[in-house]
N, C-alpha and C. Protein backbone atom coordinates (compact mmCIF):
# COMPACT_ATOMS: atom_id res chain seq x y z
N MET A 1 145.35 168.66 292.65
CA MET A 1 145.97 167.78 291.75
C MET A 1 147.47 168.14 291.44
N ALA A 2 148.31 167.10 291.79
CA ALA A 2 149.72 167.40 291.66
C ALA A 2 150.36 167.03 290.37
N THR A 3 151.14 167.84 289.77
CA THR A 3 151.68 167.40 288.44
C THR A 3 153.22 167.31 288.66
N ASP A 4 153.78 166.19 288.31
CA ASP A 4 155.11 165.92 288.51
C ASP A 4 155.88 166.27 287.20
N ALA A 5 155.27 166.04 285.99
CA ALA A 5 156.01 166.32 284.76
C ALA A 5 155.74 167.72 284.33
N PRO A 6 156.64 168.48 283.86
CA PRO A 6 156.39 169.85 283.36
C PRO A 6 155.35 169.82 282.26
N HIS A 7 154.34 170.76 282.15
CA HIS A 7 153.34 170.70 281.24
C HIS A 7 154.11 170.89 279.77
N GLY A 8 153.41 170.02 278.88
CA GLY A 8 153.93 170.04 277.52
C GLY A 8 154.96 169.11 277.18
N THR A 9 155.54 168.43 278.14
CA THR A 9 156.65 167.46 277.97
C THR A 9 156.04 166.17 277.59
N GLU A 10 156.87 165.25 276.88
CA GLU A 10 156.36 163.94 276.60
C GLU A 10 157.23 163.02 277.53
N LEU A 11 156.56 162.02 278.05
CA LEU A 11 157.17 161.06 278.97
C LEU A 11 157.66 159.93 278.26
N ALA A 12 158.67 159.29 278.95
CA ALA A 12 159.28 158.03 278.36
C ALA A 12 158.34 156.75 278.70
N VAL A 13 157.69 156.89 279.83
CA VAL A 13 156.80 155.80 280.37
C VAL A 13 155.38 156.43 280.49
N ALA A 14 154.45 155.82 279.76
CA ALA A 14 153.10 156.14 280.01
C ALA A 14 152.52 156.10 281.42
N GLY A 15 151.71 157.13 281.85
CA GLY A 15 151.08 157.08 283.10
C GLY A 15 151.88 157.51 284.21
N GLU A 16 153.12 158.10 284.01
CA GLU A 16 153.93 158.57 285.13
C GLU A 16 154.00 160.06 285.24
N CYS A 17 152.95 160.64 284.71
CA CYS A 17 152.86 162.08 284.77
C CYS A 17 152.50 162.89 285.96
N CYS A 18 151.57 162.19 286.73
CA CYS A 18 150.96 162.78 287.89
C CYS A 18 150.39 161.80 288.87
N GLU A 19 150.31 162.20 289.99
CA GLU A 19 149.80 161.29 291.06
C GLU A 19 148.43 160.67 290.74
N THR A 20 147.63 161.60 290.22
CA THR A 20 146.19 161.15 289.82
C THR A 20 146.20 159.90 288.91
N LEU A 21 146.96 160.23 287.75
CA LEU A 21 146.86 158.99 286.81
C LEU A 21 147.60 157.85 287.31
N ARG A 22 148.71 157.87 288.02
CA ARG A 22 149.34 156.83 288.55
C ARG A 22 148.51 155.97 289.42
N GLY A 23 147.69 156.61 290.28
CA GLY A 23 146.77 156.08 291.16
C GLY A 23 145.62 155.36 290.47
N ILE A 24 145.18 155.95 289.40
CA ILE A 24 144.13 155.25 288.71
C ILE A 24 144.70 153.98 287.84
N LEU A 25 145.85 154.15 287.31
CA LEU A 25 146.38 152.90 286.68
C LEU A 25 146.67 151.78 287.72
N GLU A 26 147.10 152.02 288.93
CA GLU A 26 147.42 151.08 289.93
C GLU A 26 146.26 150.43 290.57
N ALA A 27 145.01 151.19 290.53
CA ALA A 27 143.80 150.70 291.21
C ALA A 27 142.94 149.81 290.35
N ASP A 28 142.27 148.88 290.78
CA ASP A 28 141.42 147.97 290.11
C ASP A 28 140.06 148.56 289.79
N ASP A 29 139.75 149.69 290.63
CA ASP A 29 138.49 150.27 290.57
C ASP A 29 138.03 150.95 289.22
N TYR A 30 139.15 151.24 288.47
CA TYR A 30 138.83 152.07 287.22
C TYR A 30 139.06 151.02 285.96
N GLU A 31 139.21 149.79 286.13
CA GLU A 31 139.31 148.90 285.06
C GLU A 31 137.88 148.62 284.45
N PRO A 32 137.48 148.65 283.26
CA PRO A 32 138.38 148.85 282.17
C PRO A 32 138.34 150.27 281.57
N LEU A 33 137.83 151.34 282.35
CA LEU A 33 137.96 152.60 281.76
C LEU A 33 139.36 153.09 281.40
N PHE A 34 140.26 152.93 282.17
CA PHE A 34 141.75 153.20 281.82
C PHE A 34 142.46 151.91 281.95
N SER A 35 143.31 151.59 280.95
CA SER A 35 144.19 150.37 281.06
C SER A 35 145.49 150.62 280.33
N LEU A 36 146.55 150.27 281.03
CA LEU A 36 147.89 150.32 280.45
C LEU A 36 148.16 149.02 279.81
N GLU A 37 148.37 149.08 278.52
CA GLU A 37 148.59 147.84 277.75
C GLU A 37 149.97 147.42 277.64
N ASP A 38 150.22 146.22 277.25
CA ASP A 38 151.65 145.62 277.10
C ASP A 38 152.50 146.33 276.01
N ASN A 39 151.78 147.01 275.07
CA ASN A 39 152.65 147.78 274.09
C ASN A 39 153.10 149.15 274.59
N GLY A 40 152.70 149.53 275.94
CA GLY A 40 153.14 150.68 276.55
C GLY A 40 152.06 151.98 276.36
N SER A 41 151.06 151.72 275.76
CA SER A 41 149.98 152.78 275.51
C SER A 41 149.02 152.65 276.57
N ILE A 42 148.34 153.92 276.90
CA ILE A 42 147.18 153.87 277.77
C ILE A 42 145.99 153.93 276.98
N TYR A 43 145.01 153.09 277.20
CA TYR A 43 143.73 153.15 276.40
C TYR A 43 142.64 153.56 277.42
N ILE A 44 141.69 154.46 276.88
CA ILE A 44 140.60 154.88 277.54
C ILE A 44 139.40 154.40 276.88
N THR A 45 138.36 153.83 277.52
CA THR A 45 137.21 153.41 276.94
C THR A 45 136.20 154.61 276.68
N VAL A 46 135.81 154.62 275.50
CA VAL A 46 135.00 155.74 274.90
C VAL A 46 133.58 155.51 274.64
N GLY A 47 133.28 154.14 274.65
CA GLY A 47 131.85 153.70 274.40
C GLY A 47 131.82 152.27 274.04
N LEU A 48 130.74 151.91 273.50
CA LEU A 48 130.58 150.50 273.06
C LEU A 48 130.72 150.41 271.61
N GLY A 49 131.16 149.24 271.09
CA GLY A 49 131.25 148.90 269.74
C GLY A 49 131.01 147.53 269.41
N GLU A 50 131.29 147.22 268.15
CA GLU A 50 131.04 145.82 267.71
C GLU A 50 131.94 145.56 266.56
N SER A 51 132.64 144.29 266.60
CA SER A 51 133.53 143.97 265.49
C SER A 51 132.88 142.60 265.02
N GLU A 52 133.27 142.20 263.89
CA GLU A 52 132.82 140.94 263.20
C GLU A 52 133.51 139.89 263.88
N GLU A 53 134.75 140.04 264.38
CA GLU A 53 135.47 138.89 265.03
C GLU A 53 135.03 138.67 266.49
N ASP A 54 134.86 139.61 267.17
CA ASP A 54 134.71 139.52 268.66
C ASP A 54 133.24 139.93 269.12
N GLY A 55 132.44 140.46 268.34
CA GLY A 55 131.08 140.87 268.72
C GLY A 55 131.07 142.12 269.50
N ALA A 56 130.02 142.30 270.31
CA ALA A 56 130.03 143.56 271.07
C ALA A 56 131.11 143.58 272.11
N GLY A 57 131.49 144.75 272.37
CA GLY A 57 132.57 145.11 273.35
C GLY A 57 132.70 146.53 273.64
N LEU A 58 133.81 146.84 274.29
CA LEU A 58 134.17 148.27 274.80
C LEU A 58 134.93 148.90 273.58
N LEU A 59 134.71 150.05 273.12
CA LEU A 59 135.46 150.86 272.22
C LEU A 59 136.59 151.63 272.97
N ASP A 60 137.90 151.25 272.81
CA ASP A 60 138.91 151.74 273.44
C ASP A 60 139.79 152.75 272.45
N HIS A 61 140.20 153.73 273.03
CA HIS A 61 141.09 154.86 272.17
C HIS A 61 142.21 155.08 272.88
N VAL A 62 143.37 155.23 272.15
CA VAL A 62 144.60 155.55 272.74
C VAL A 62 144.60 156.94 273.38
N MET A 63 145.06 157.03 274.47
CA MET A 63 145.02 158.33 275.41
C MET A 63 146.30 159.13 275.12
N SER A 64 146.24 160.13 274.23
CA SER A 64 147.44 160.89 273.81
C SER A 64 147.86 161.86 275.05
N TYR A 65 146.98 162.47 275.67
CA TYR A 65 147.26 163.42 276.78
C TYR A 65 146.58 162.98 278.01
N CYS A 66 147.23 163.26 279.13
CA CYS A 66 146.59 162.98 280.50
C CYS A 66 145.39 163.92 280.69
N PRO A 67 144.27 163.32 280.91
CA PRO A 67 143.18 164.28 281.23
C PRO A 67 143.14 164.98 282.55
N PHE A 68 144.16 164.73 283.38
CA PHE A 68 144.38 165.37 284.69
C PHE A 68 145.27 166.47 284.69
N CYS A 69 146.49 166.21 283.92
CA CYS A 69 147.44 167.31 284.05
C CYS A 69 147.89 167.77 282.58
N GLY A 70 147.46 167.11 281.55
CA GLY A 70 147.71 167.52 280.14
C GLY A 70 148.97 167.10 279.63
N THR A 71 149.81 166.32 280.29
CA THR A 71 151.10 165.90 279.72
C THR A 71 150.90 164.94 278.60
N ARG A 72 151.64 165.10 277.48
CA ARG A 72 151.53 164.18 276.34
C ARG A 72 152.01 162.82 276.82
N GLN A 73 151.42 161.75 276.50
CA GLN A 73 151.70 160.40 276.80
C GLN A 73 152.45 159.70 275.51
N PRO A 74 153.60 158.91 275.90
CA PRO A 74 154.12 158.25 274.69
C PRO A 74 153.17 157.17 274.09
N GLU A 75 153.31 156.98 272.83
CA GLU A 75 152.39 156.00 272.14
C GLU A 75 153.32 154.97 271.42
N ALA A 76 152.88 153.70 271.55
CA ALA A 76 153.52 152.68 270.83
C ALA A 76 153.14 152.82 269.35
N SER A 77 153.98 152.40 268.47
CA SER A 77 153.78 152.61 267.03
C SER A 77 152.51 151.79 266.60
N ASP A 78 152.14 150.72 267.30
CA ASP A 78 150.97 149.99 266.75
C ASP A 78 149.69 150.24 267.60
N ALA A 79 149.77 151.45 268.31
CA ALA A 79 148.56 151.83 269.10
C ALA A 79 147.51 152.32 268.09
N GLU A 80 146.28 151.93 268.46
CA GLU A 80 145.13 152.33 267.57
C GLU A 80 143.81 152.21 268.36
N THR A 81 142.68 152.73 267.81
CA THR A 81 141.40 152.54 268.37
C THR A 81 141.10 151.10 268.11
N GLU A 82 140.41 150.41 269.09
CA GLU A 82 140.04 149.07 268.86
C GLU A 82 138.88 148.72 269.69
N VAL A 83 138.10 147.71 269.36
CA VAL A 83 137.06 147.05 270.05
C VAL A 83 137.58 145.87 270.80
N LYS A 84 137.41 145.87 272.01
CA LYS A 84 137.81 144.65 272.85
C LYS A 84 136.51 144.06 273.42
N SER A 85 136.32 142.88 273.32
CA SER A 85 135.19 142.20 273.81
C SER A 85 135.25 142.12 275.29
N SER A 86 134.16 142.22 275.94
CA SER A 86 134.10 142.22 277.49
C SER A 86 133.58 140.92 277.97
């Protein structure tokens, strides 16, 4: 695992901390487990959930730290846990 960003630093762009996370976000193989949203936050699917509006779907949570190198990821102000219908 190669780390490009110094441990403990916060990035300006989500997902640019290491080769592993960049590769996952660029590949279609890991969708919908990891997703880079339009608001600039990375969401990771943590389970199944249900909402009154959309019904059953995937429960996504904002990823605050890279699980591969530990670098803090930038978060958009409107980022939150949400259920997305699949």
